[in-house]
Amino acid sequence: FLPPIGRWITAGGLFLFGTFSGAIALAAVAKYNVTVRVPATVRPAGEIRIVESASAGTVTTIQVKENQTVKQGDAIATIDASQLLTKQNQLQGNIQQNQLQLRQIAAQISALDERVTAETYAIERAVASAQAELNRSQREYQERQMTTVAEVEAAKANVQLAQSEWEKSLPELQKEQASLQTATANLKAAQANLKAAISKRDRYQSIQETGAISLDLLEETKLAAQQQAQAVAGQKAAVESQKQAVASQIKTIQRQQQSVQVSAAKLKVVEAALNPSNAPIAIAQQRIAQETAKGEAALAALKKERSTLIQNRAEIQNQIDRDRQEIEQINIEISKSTVRSPTDGTILKLNLRNPGQTAQLGTAIAQIAPARATIVIKARVAATDIGKIAIGQTSILRISAYPYPDYGVLEGKVSAIAPDIIAGENNRPPYYEVTIQPQKTYLIKGDRTLSKPAGEPCCQYPIQPGMEVTADIISRQETVLTFMLRKARMLADV
């Protein structure tokens, strides 16, 4: 048997029951925000400019820090370019040496031009001298021809004259020979008569001794013999004289014949000289050809040497041009050794930690947010929570640089969700990137140190790219009772 319940116990029980019933009713009606808290970062809405290293080398200096404002062209970092500078100095030295060689070649070409001019003048003088000698030889040749023609005519005249005299002497010789024959015949006749007279005398002598004939007749025969002897002597003298005349005429004819032969020989000699030797002319012409060939050979050698110098000059000039182009390229590479900001903006991320770090070609040095670009919040949502996020959801943003008790919070809305998961860096879990558009880009802090009404704004504090944010994305609203039942695993997710 139970003891009776007191009024206070009954009243307390009713109060507890009423309180519990009211709490259950309130839990079934009251709603709260279910949020997904994720880390986020302030980023520019536009394209982030990634600054890459245009050359490979060791970083010597770092001129900026993260979240630092930079202008276009400001130096971000400097990469060691000592090798490029050394090569540049070498090329400049090569250019100076080549320019010195060009000046030397120019002097040599100028000297060769002077030599060519002098050689040309010397050739012209030599050829002119040889030409004068040729003209003189030709003139003498012509004069000799003219003289020889005259001598030939004179020799022909002498030959004709000697021939004419010789021909005239032949009849005289024949006449003298005929006279000689006549005298010889007369001599023979006289001798015969003399022989007959002597025979008659001797016969009359013997007869007279006998006295048969008279002495007078004997004397007549003796006289006749003497006369006949005188006649023979006369005829002999005539024959001898005629022989001398014939001999003289023969000598004259022989002399005239010799004169004809001499004149003919002289004619042949003069006729032989009628065409005088043109050897001096040929020699003079040969000298002209030799002087011309010699000069042309000398000029060809000088021109060849000049052509070689010009070719060397062109090669050296081409080398200078190549060296200058290489210097220009080196200057470009040297300018690339200083990594500069391509635009006005803020350094979001700097991948360089300290000087001495090695940078490879194309390595990302920094990320720059362009100036005057709108900002968004890039939240990193875990893969387990991405199903709770939808575009248009409200988000409460707390900026780590501005404590929310003093500066408050920002509101924003989910504007984009990445379609694919992003691998985390430094062993971080993968995540989805969710873009949140804040309603404002600044926070307002109320200064409680001044005598102003509570909550009156004092000044604005802008949100800058790179600031860390804690985002509470409101995925949905649910009642407390639903939450309690879900927690008690009595109700599925609603």
Protein backbone atom coordinates (compact mmCIF):
# COMPACT_ATOMS: atom_id res chain seq x y z
CA PHE A 1 0.00 0.00 0.00
CA LEU A 2 1.44 3.31 -1.15
CA PRO A 3 1.57 6.32 1.05
CA PRO A 4 -0.42 9.35 -0.12
CA ILE A 5 1.31 11.89 -2.42
CA GLY A 6 1.79 15.35 -0.99
CA ARG A 7 0.66 18.53 -2.65
CA TRP A 8 4.17 19.80 -3.19
CA ILE A 9 5.17 16.59 -4.87
CA THR A 10 2.10 16.74 -7.06
CA ALA A 11 2.72 20.39 -7.88
CA GLY A 12 6.40 19.69 -8.60
CA GLY A 13 5.48 16.76 -10.81
CA LEU A 14 2.98 18.83 -12.72
CA PHE A 15 5.56 21.61 -13.11
CA LEU A 16 8.16 19.17 -14.39
CA PHE A 17 5.67 17.59 -16.76
CA GLY A 18 4.55 20.98 -18.01
CA THR A 19 8.15 22.12 -18.41
CA PHE A 20 9.10 18.95 -20.30
CA SER A 21 5.99 19.20 -22.47
CA GLY A 22 6.75 22.87 -23.20
CA ALA A 23 10.37 22.03 -23.99
CA ILE A 24 9.25 19.27 -26.35
CA ALA A 25 6.78 21.62 -28.01
CA LEU A 26 9.42 24.37 -28.29
CA ALA A 27 11.98 21.89 -29.67
CA ALA A 28 9.45 20.79 -32.27
CA VAL A 29 8.82 24.41 -33.35
CA ALA A 30 12.11 26.27 -32.82
CA LYS A 31 14.59 26.11 -35.78
CA TYR A 32 18.33 26.74 -36.03
CA ASN A 33 20.89 26.98 -38.85
CA VAL A 34 22.84 23.88 -39.80
CA THR A 35 26.24 25.16 -40.99
CA VAL A 36 29.32 23.71 -42.60
CA ARG A 37 32.43 25.42 -41.24
CA VAL A 38 35.26 25.44 -43.74
CA PRO A 39 38.53 27.37 -44.14
CA ALA A 40 38.68 29.92 -46.93
CA THR A 41 40.90 32.57 -48.44
CA VAL A 42 40.20 35.96 -49.94
CA ARG A 43 40.99 35.88 -53.66
CA PRO A 44 40.51 38.32 -56.52
CA ALA A 45 37.55 37.61 -58.73
CA GLY A 46 39.55 38.12 -61.92
CA GLU A 47 42.41 36.04 -63.25
CA ILE A 48 45.37 35.76 -60.94
CA ARG A 49 48.60 36.70 -62.66
CA ILE A 50 51.23 34.03 -62.14
CA VAL A 51 54.74 35.39 -62.39
CA GLU A 52 57.15 32.78 -63.74
CA SER A 53 60.91 32.75 -63.88
CA ALA A 54 62.10 33.59 -67.38
CA SER A 55 65.56 32.19 -66.68
CA ALA A 56 67.15 29.50 -64.56
CA GLY A 57 69.60 30.24 -61.80
CA THR A 58 70.15 31.05 -58.18
CA VAL A 59 67.98 33.69 -56.54
CA THR A 60 70.23 36.45 -55.21
CA THR A 61 67.67 38.87 -53.75
CA ILE A 62 63.96 38.89 -52.94
CA GLN A 63 62.45 42.38 -53.04
CA VAL A 64 58.83 41.71 -51.97
CA LYS A 65 56.76 39.88 -49.39
CA GLU A 66 53.35 38.30 -49.49
CA ASN A 67 50.37 40.71 -49.41
CA GLN A 68 52.67 43.54 -50.50
CA THR A 69 51.29 45.99 -53.05
CA VAL A 70 53.38 46.28 -56.20
CA LYS A 71 53.31 48.40 -59.32
CA GLN A 72 53.80 47.18 -62.84
CA GLY A 73 57.52 46.72 -63.46
CA ASP A 74 58.48 46.51 -59.78
CA ALA A 75 61.21 43.98 -59.08
CA ILE A 76 60.03 40.86 -57.30
CA ALA A 77 63.27 38.88 -57.23
CA THR A 78 66.67 38.83 -58.88
CA ILE A 79 68.29 35.72 -60.33
CA ASP A 80 72.05 35.40 -60.61
CA ALA A 81 73.17 36.57 -64.08
CA SER A 82 76.94 36.57 -63.53
CA GLN A 83 77.51 33.99 -66.27
CA LEU A 84 75.48 36.06 -68.69
CA LEU A 85 77.44 39.18 -67.74
CA THR A 86 80.71 37.31 -68.24
CA LYS A 87 79.59 36.12 -71.65
CA GLN A 88 78.41 39.63 -72.49
CA ASN A 89 81.84 41.03 -71.61
CA GLN A 90 83.51 38.35 -73.72
CA LEU A 91 81.28 39.17 -76.68
CA GLN A 92 81.94 42.88 -76.28
CA GLY A 93 85.68 42.13 -76.23
CA ASN A 94 85.27 40.03 -79.37
CA ILE A 95 83.39 42.88 -81.03
CA GLN A 96 86.16 45.34 -80.15
CA GLN A 97 88.80 42.98 -81.55
CA ASN A 98 86.76 42.40 -84.70
CA GLN A 99 86.23 46.14 -85.11
CA LEU A 100 89.99 46.62 -84.82
CA GLN A 101 90.43 43.96 -87.51
CA LEU A 102 87.86 45.78 -89.65
CA ARG A 103 89.85 49.00 -89.34
CA GLN A 104 93.03 47.13 -90.26
CA ILE A 105 91.30 45.52 -93.24
CA ALA A 106 89.94 48.92 -94.30
CA ALA A 107 93.50 50.31 -94.19
CA GLN A 108 94.75 47.31 -96.19
CA ILE A 109 91.98 47.75 -98.77
CA SER A 110 92.83 51.46 -99.05
CA ALA A 111 96.51 50.58 -99.54
CA LEU A 112 95.53 47.98 -102.15
CA ASP A 113 93.40 50.55 -103.96
CA GLU A 114 96.39 52.88 -104.05
CA ARG A 115 98.56 50.03 -105.32
CA VAL A 116 95.95 49.22 -107.97
CA THR A 117 95.93 52.86 -109.06
CA ALA A 118 99.73 52.97 -109.17
CA GLU A 119 99.92 49.63 -110.95
CA THR A 120 97.30 50.75 -113.47
CA TYR A 121 99.28 53.93 -114.13
CA ALA A 122 102.52 51.93 -114.46
CA ILE A 123 100.83 49.52 -116.86
CA GLU A 124 99.48 52.38 -118.92
CA ARG A 125 102.95 53.95 -119.04
CA ALA A 126 104.60 50.65 -119.97
CA VAL A 127 102.01 49.93 -122.64
CA ALA A 128 102.33 53.49 -123.95
CA SER A 129 106.12 53.10 -124.11
CA ALA A 130 105.78 49.76 -125.88
CA GLN A 131 103.20 51.28 -128.22
CA ALA A 132 105.60 54.13 -129.02
CA GLU A 133 108.31 51.57 -129.71
CA LEU A 134 105.88 49.70 -131.95
CA ASN A 135 104.99 52.87 -133.80
CA ARG A 136 108.69 53.67 -134.26
CA SER A 137 109.36 50.13 -135.51
CA GLN A 138 106.42 50.33 -137.91
CA ARG A 139 107.60 53.70 -139.17
CA GLU A 140 111.15 52.40 -139.67
CA TYR A 141 109.72 49.31 -141.36
CA GLN A 142 107.72 51.45 -143.73
CA GLU A 143 110.74 53.67 -144.38
CA ARG A 144 112.90 50.61 -145.06
CA GLN A 145 110.26 49.31 -147.42
CA MET A 146 110.19 52.60 -149.29
CA THR A 147 114.02 52.78 -149.41
CA THR A 148 114.26 49.18 -150.52
CA VAL A 149 111.77 49.75 -153.32
CA ALA A 150 113.91 52.62 -154.57
CA GLU A 151 117.03 50.51 -154.29
CA VAL A 152 115.31 47.69 -156.18
CA GLU A 153 114.38 50.06 -158.96
CA ALA A 154 117.96 51.36 -159.10
CA ALA A 155 119.36 47.81 -159.06
CA LYS A 156 116.99 46.79 -161.81
CA ALA A 157 118.13 49.79 -163.83
CA ASN A 158 121.78 48.85 -163.24
CA VAL A 159 121.07 45.28 -164.29
CA GLN A 160 119.29 46.46 -167.40
CA LEU A 161 122.13 48.88 -168.18
CA ALA A 162 124.80 46.21 -167.67
CA GLN A 163 122.75 43.74 -169.69
CA SER A 164 122.33 46.29 -172.43
CA GLU A 165 126.06 47.05 -172.54
CA TRP A 166 126.84 43.32 -172.48
CA GLU A 167 124.43 42.70 -175.30
CA LYS A 168 125.98 45.58 -177.26
CA SER A 169 129.48 44.13 -176.72
CA LEU A 170 128.57 40.72 -178.16
CA PRO A 171 128.29 41.93 -181.80
CA GLU A 172 131.58 43.78 -181.39
CA LEU A 173 133.16 40.57 -180.16
CA GLN A 174 131.71 38.67 -183.07
CA LYS A 175 133.02 41.38 -185.43
CA GLU A 176 136.45 41.24 -183.86
CA GLN A 177 136.41 37.46 -184.01
CA ALA A 178 135.48 37.64 -187.69
CA SER A 179 138.32 40.08 -188.28
CA LEU A 180 140.62 37.72 -186.41
CA GLN A 181 139.52 34.86 -188.62
CA THR A 182 140.10 37.02 -191.69
CA ALA A 183 143.54 38.05 -190.46
CA THR A 184 144.34 34.44 -189.68
CA ALA A 185 143.26 33.40 -193.13
CA ASN A 186 145.33 36.20 -194.64
CA LEU A 187 148.26 35.09 -192.49
CA LYS A 188 147.89 31.55 -193.70
CA ALA A 189 147.67 32.77 -197.27
CA ALA A 190 150.73 34.96 -196.77
CA GLN A 191 152.58 32.10 -195.20
CA ALA A 192 151.64 29.91 -198.14
CA ASN A 193 152.75 32.63 -200.51
CA LEU A 194 155.95 33.02 -198.48
CA LYS A 195 156.60 29.30 -198.66
CA ALA A 196 155.98 29.37 -202.37
CA ALA A 197 158.25 32.39 -202.78
CA ILE A 198 161.01 30.76 -200.74
CA SER A 199 160.64 27.58 -202.73
CA LYS A 200 160.75 29.56 -205.94
CA ARG A 201 163.74 31.54 -204.70
CA ASP A 202 165.59 28.38 -203.69
CA ARG A 203 164.81 26.81 -207.05
CA TYR A 204 165.84 29.91 -208.91
CA GLN A 205 169.00 30.00 -206.79
CA SER A 206 170.06 26.56 -207.92
CA ILE A 207 169.09 27.28 -211.46
CA GLN A 208 170.94 30.60 -211.46
CA GLU A 209 174.06 28.79 -210.36
CA THR A 210 173.78 26.77 -213.44
CA GLY A 211 173.37 29.98 -215.34
CA ALA A 212 170.07 29.03 -216.74
CA ILE A 213 168.37 32.16 -215.52
CA SER A 214 169.55 35.61 -215.08
CA LEU A 215 170.68 37.16 -211.88
CA ASP A 216 167.94 39.75 -212.06
CA LEU A 217 165.27 37.14 -212.08
CA LEU A 218 166.90 35.57 -209.05
CA GLU A 219 166.98 38.89 -207.36
CA GLU A 220 163.30 39.40 -208.20
CA THR A 221 162.47 36.07 -206.62
CA LYS A 222 164.52 36.95 -203.61
CA LEU A 223 162.77 40.31 -203.39
CA ALA A 224 159.46 38.63 -203.81
CA ALA A 225 160.38 36.20 -201.02
CA GLN A 226 161.43 39.07 -198.82
CA GLN A 227 158.25 40.95 -199.61
CA GLN A 228 156.23 37.88 -198.92
CA ALA A 229 158.13 37.40 -195.65
CA GLN A 230 157.29 40.97 -194.76
CA ALA A 231 153.70 40.32 -195.69
CA VAL A 232 153.65 37.28 -193.41
CA ALA A 233 155.18 39.34 -190.65
CA GLY A 234 152.58 42.00 -191.25
CA GLN A 235 149.79 39.46 -191.23
CA LYS A 236 151.18 37.95 -188.05
CA ALA A 237 151.19 41.38 -186.51
CA ALA A 238 147.64 41.91 -187.71
CA VAL A 239 146.60 38.53 -186.32
CA GLU A 240 148.24 39.29 -182.99
CA SER A 241 146.65 42.68 -182.96
CA GLN A 242 143.29 41.19 -183.77
CA LYS A 243 143.82 38.52 -181.11
CA GLN A 244 144.52 41.26 -178.63
CA ALA A 245 141.44 43.10 -179.79
CA VAL A 246 139.37 39.90 -179.40
CA ALA A 247 140.91 39.23 -176.01
CA SER A 248 140.23 42.79 -174.99
CA GLN A 249 136.68 42.52 -176.22
CA ILE A 250 136.30 39.20 -174.40
CA LYS A 251 137.59 40.81 -171.23
CA THR A 252 135.19 43.68 -171.76
CA ILE A 253 132.34 41.26 -172.26
CA GLN A 254 133.46 39.25 -169.24
CA ARG A 255 133.67 42.44 -167.22
CA GLN A 256 130.26 43.48 -168.44
CA GLN A 257 128.97 39.98 -167.71
CA GLN A 258 130.42 40.20 -164.23
CA SER A 259 128.81 43.62 -163.91
CA VAL A 260 125.52 42.07 -164.97
CA GLN A 261 126.01 39.29 -162.42
CA VAL A 262 126.98 41.79 -159.73
CA SER A 263 124.00 43.96 -160.59
CA ALA A 264 121.78 40.88 -160.59
CA ALA A 265 123.22 39.83 -157.24
CA LYS A 266 122.67 43.32 -155.90
CA LEU A 267 119.13 43.18 -157.29
CA LYS A 268 118.55 39.92 -155.49
CA VAL A 269 119.93 41.40 -152.32
CA VAL A 270 117.78 44.49 -152.69
CA GLU A 271 114.78 42.37 -153.63
CA ALA A 272 115.44 40.26 -150.58
CA ALA A 273 115.40 43.47 -148.58
CA LEU A 274 112.22 44.51 -150.38
CA ASN A 275 110.28 42.79 -147.59
CA PRO A 276 112.26 43.79 -144.50
CA SER A 277 111.91 41.71 -141.37
CA ASN A 278 109.03 42.71 -139.12
CA ALA A 279 110.79 41.21 -136.13
CA PRO A 280 111.09 44.60 -134.38
CA ILE A 281 107.36 45.09 -134.86
CA ALA A 282 106.66 41.59 -133.55
CA ILE A 283 109.01 42.23 -130.64
CA ALA A 284 107.26 45.52 -129.89
CA GLN A 285 103.86 43.85 -130.14
CA GLN A 286 105.09 41.04 -127.91
CA ARG A 287 106.35 43.58 -125.42
CA ILE A 288 102.96 45.27 -125.41
CA ALA A 289 101.31 41.88 -124.84
CA GLN A 290 103.84 41.04 -122.12
CA GLU A 291 103.40 44.38 -120.37
CA THR A 292 99.63 44.05 -120.64
CA ALA A 293 99.68 40.46 -119.37
CA LYS A 294 102.10 41.37 -116.61
CA GLY A 295 99.94 44.29 -115.58
CA GLU A 296 96.76 42.25 -115.77
CA ALA A 297 98.39 39.51 -113.67
CA ALA A 298 99.51 42.07 -111.10
CA LEU A 299 96.07 43.68 -111.08
CA ALA A 300 94.42 40.27 -110.84
CA ALA A 301 96.61 39.40 -107.85
CA LEU A 302 95.79 42.73 -106.20
CA LYS A 303 92.09 42.33 -106.97
CA LYS A 304 92.16 38.78 -105.62
CA GLU A 305 93.84 40.00 -102.45
CA ARG A 306 91.30 42.81 -102.23
CA SER A 307 88.45 40.35 -102.79
CA THR A 308 89.86 38.14 -100.03
CA LEU A 309 90.05 41.13 -97.69
CA ILE A 310 86.49 42.13 -98.58
CA GLN A 311 85.33 38.57 -97.94
CA ASN A 312 87.17 38.55 -94.60
CA ARG A 313 85.62 41.92 -93.80
CA ALA A 314 82.16 40.57 -94.60
CA GLU A 315 82.77 37.49 -92.44
CA ILE A 316 84.05 39.63 -89.56
CA GLN A 317 81.10 42.01 -89.97
CA ASN A 318 78.71 39.06 -89.94
CA GLN A 319 80.44 37.80 -86.80
CA ILE A 320 80.06 41.25 -85.23
CA ASP A 321 76.37 41.27 -86.18
CA ARG A 322 75.95 37.79 -84.70
CA ASP A 323 77.77 38.87 -81.53
CA ARG A 324 75.59 41.97 -81.28
CA GLN A 325 72.47 39.90 -81.75
CA GLU A 326 73.74 37.53 -79.10
CA ILE A 327 74.45 40.50 -76.81
CA GLU A 328 70.92 41.74 -77.42
CA GLN A 329 69.64 38.29 -76.54
CA ILE A 330 71.89 38.24 -73.46
CA ASN A 331 70.57 41.67 -72.49
CA ILE A 332 67.08 40.27 -72.81
CA GLU A 333 68.13 37.29 -70.68
CA ILE A 334 69.76 39.64 -68.17
CA SER A 335 66.59 41.70 -68.04
CA LYS A 336 64.73 38.44 -67.50
CA SER A 337 66.99 37.71 -64.54
CA THR A 338 65.08 40.41 -62.69
CA VAL A 339 61.58 39.04 -62.16
CA ARG A 340 59.18 41.98 -62.39
CA SER A 341 55.52 42.44 -61.73
CA PRO A 342 53.50 42.33 -64.96
CA THR A 343 50.72 44.46 -63.52
CA ASP A 344 49.64 46.57 -60.57
CA GLY A 345 48.35 44.46 -57.75
CA THR A 346 49.04 42.58 -54.56
CA ILE A 347 51.37 39.65 -53.97
CA LEU A 348 49.03 36.82 -53.06
CA LYS A 349 51.64 34.13 -52.85
CA LEU A 350 55.42 34.18 -52.95
CA ASN A 351 57.08 30.85 -53.68
CA LEU A 352 60.54 32.09 -52.73
CA ARG A 353 61.61 31.68 -49.15
CA ASN A 354 65.17 32.94 -49.04
CA PRO A 355 68.05 34.05 -51.31
CA GLY A 356 70.16 31.22 -52.64
CA GLN A 357 67.13 29.23 -53.67
CA THR A 358 67.39 27.72 -57.15
CA ALA A 359 64.77 28.75 -59.68
CA GLN A 360 64.14 26.73 -62.82
CA LEU A 361 62.94 28.11 -66.12
CA GLY A 362 59.16 28.52 -65.98
CA THR A 363 59.02 28.12 -62.20
CA ALA A 364 56.13 30.06 -60.64
CA ILE A 365 57.72 32.79 -58.53
CA ALA A 366 54.63 34.61 -57.28
CA GLN A 367 50.92 35.08 -57.73
CA ILE A 368 49.62 38.64 -58.12
CA ALA A 369 46.06 39.80 -57.73
CA PRO A 370 45.40 42.64 -60.17
CA ALA A 371 44.62 46.00 -58.57
CA ARG A 372 41.00 47.24 -58.50
CA ALA A 373 39.76 43.70 -59.03
CA THR A 374 36.69 42.53 -57.13
CA ILE A 375 37.31 39.90 -54.49
CA VAL A 376 35.63 36.61 -53.70
CA ILE A 377 36.03 34.04 -50.97
CA LYS A 378 37.48 30.70 -52.03
CA ALA A 379 36.35 28.08 -49.52
CA ARG A 380 37.84 24.58 -49.28
CA VAL A 381 34.99 22.14 -48.58
CA ALA A 382 35.78 18.56 -47.67
CA ALA A 383 34.44 15.83 -49.90
CA THR A 384 32.22 14.58 -47.04
CA ASP A 385 30.47 17.96 -46.79
CA ILE A 386 30.16 18.94 -50.45
CA GLY A 387 26.74 17.30 -50.71
CA LYS A 388 25.42 19.85 -48.20
CA ILE A 389 26.53 22.84 -50.28
CA ALA A 390 24.38 24.44 -52.94
CA ILE A 391 24.57 27.63 -54.96
CA GLY A 392 22.73 30.52 -53.31
CA GLN A 393 23.32 29.37 -49.74
CA THR A 394 24.16 32.05 -47.22
CA SER A 395 27.52 32.10 -45.53
CA ILE A 396 28.84 33.86 -42.45
CA LEU A 397 32.42 34.98 -42.97
CA ARG A 398 34.91 35.67 -40.19
CA ILE A 399 38.14 37.38 -41.30
CA SER A 400 41.11 36.16 -39.29
CA ALA A 401 42.89 39.51 -39.65
CA TYR A 402 39.92 41.30 -38.10
CA PRO A 403 38.62 39.66 -34.89
CA TYR A 404 34.86 39.41 -35.26
CA PRO A 405 34.07 40.65 -31.72
CA ASP A 406 35.57 44.00 -32.76
CA TYR A 407 34.98 44.11 -36.49
CA GLY A 408 31.97 41.87 -36.91
CA VAL A 409 31.38 39.40 -39.70
CA LEU A 410 30.46 39.48 -43.36
CA GLU A 411 27.64 37.80 -45.13
CA GLY A 412 27.93 36.19 -48.50
CA LYS A 413 26.31 33.75 -50.85
CA VAL A 414 27.64 30.68 -52.56
CA SER A 415 28.12 31.65 -56.22
CA ALA A 416 29.99 28.66 -57.66
CA ILE A 417 31.00 25.10 -56.81
CA ALA A 418 33.95 23.39 -58.46
CA PRO A 419 32.87 20.42 -60.60
CA ASP A 420 35.87 18.32 -59.62
CA ILE A 421 37.86 17.66 -56.51
CA ILE A 422 41.24 19.31 -56.03
CA ALA A 423 44.21 17.40 -54.64
CA GLY A 424 45.51 18.95 -51.46
CA GLU A 425 49.06 20.17 -51.03
CA ASN A 426 51.50 19.18 -48.30
CA ASN A 427 49.57 16.00 -47.37
CA ARG A 428 46.29 17.89 -47.00
CA PRO A 429 43.08 16.00 -47.83
CA PRO A 430 41.44 16.74 -51.18
CA TYR A 431 38.69 19.33 -51.30
CA TYR A 432 36.17 21.09 -53.49
CA GLU A 433 36.61 24.77 -54.14
CA VAL A 434 33.47 26.76 -53.39
CA THR A 435 33.24 30.41 -54.38
CA ILE A 436 31.44 32.77 -52.02
CA GLN A 437 30.53 36.29 -53.09
CA PRO A 438 30.66 38.66 -50.07
CA GLN A 439 28.07 41.40 -49.79
CA LYS A 440 30.77 43.93 -48.85
CA THR A 441 34.50 44.13 -49.32
CA TYR A 442 35.19 45.87 -46.05
CA LEU A 443 34.44 45.68 -42.34
CA ILE A 444 33.34 48.47 -40.04
CA LYS A 445 34.71 48.79 -36.56
CA GLY A 446 32.93 50.75 -33.86
CA ASP A 447 35.51 52.73 -31.78
CA ARG A 448 34.43 52.45 -28.17
CA THR A 449 37.22 54.75 -26.97
CA LEU A 450 35.42 57.78 -28.40
CA SER A 451 32.32 59.34 -26.96
CA LYS A 452 30.04 58.24 -29.75
CA PRO A 453 26.79 56.39 -29.67
CA ALA A 454 27.28 52.68 -29.41
CA GLY A 455 27.42 50.95 -32.78
CA GLU A 456 28.17 54.12 -34.74
CA PRO A 457 30.78 53.25 -37.41
CA CYS A 458 34.20 54.75 -37.10
CA CYS A 459 36.02 53.68 -40.24
CA GLN A 460 36.18 51.02 -42.94
CA TYR A 461 38.75 48.21 -43.10
CA PRO A 462 39.08 46.68 -46.57
CA ILE A 463 39.40 43.00 -47.16
CA GLN A 464 42.55 42.23 -49.10
CA PRO A 465 43.40 39.19 -51.20
CA GLY A 466 45.29 36.58 -49.28
CA MET A 467 43.49 37.03 -45.97
CA GLU A 468 42.43 33.85 -44.21
CA VAL A 469 38.68 33.40 -43.62
CA THR A 470 36.52 31.02 -41.64
CA ALA A 471 33.28 30.47 -43.53
CA ASP A 472 30.12 29.08 -41.93
CA ILE A 473 27.94 28.01 -44.85
CA ILE A 474 24.29 27.61 -43.82
CA SER A 475 23.30 24.41 -45.56
CA ARG A 476 19.74 24.26 -44.15
CA GLN A 477 17.49 24.94 -41.13
CA GLU A 478 16.03 22.25 -38.86
CA THR A 479 14.21 22.06 -35.53
CA VAL A 480 15.90 21.18 -32.30
CA LEU A 481 13.69 18.11 -31.96
CA THR A 482 14.80 16.88 -35.38
CA PHE A 483 18.39 17.45 -34.39
CA MET A 484 17.91 15.54 -31.15
CA LEU A 485 16.17 12.66 -32.85
CA ARG A 486 18.86 12.52 -35.57
CA LYS A 487 21.48 12.54 -32.93
CA ALA A 488 19.68 9.76 -31.17
CA ARG A 489 19.77 7.87 -34.50
CA MET A 490 16.07 7.65 -34.44
CA LEU A 491 15.49 9.70 -37.53
CA ALA A 492 17.29 9.81 -40.82
CA ASP A 493 18.80 12.95 -42.23
CA VAL A 494 15.96 15.35 -43.21
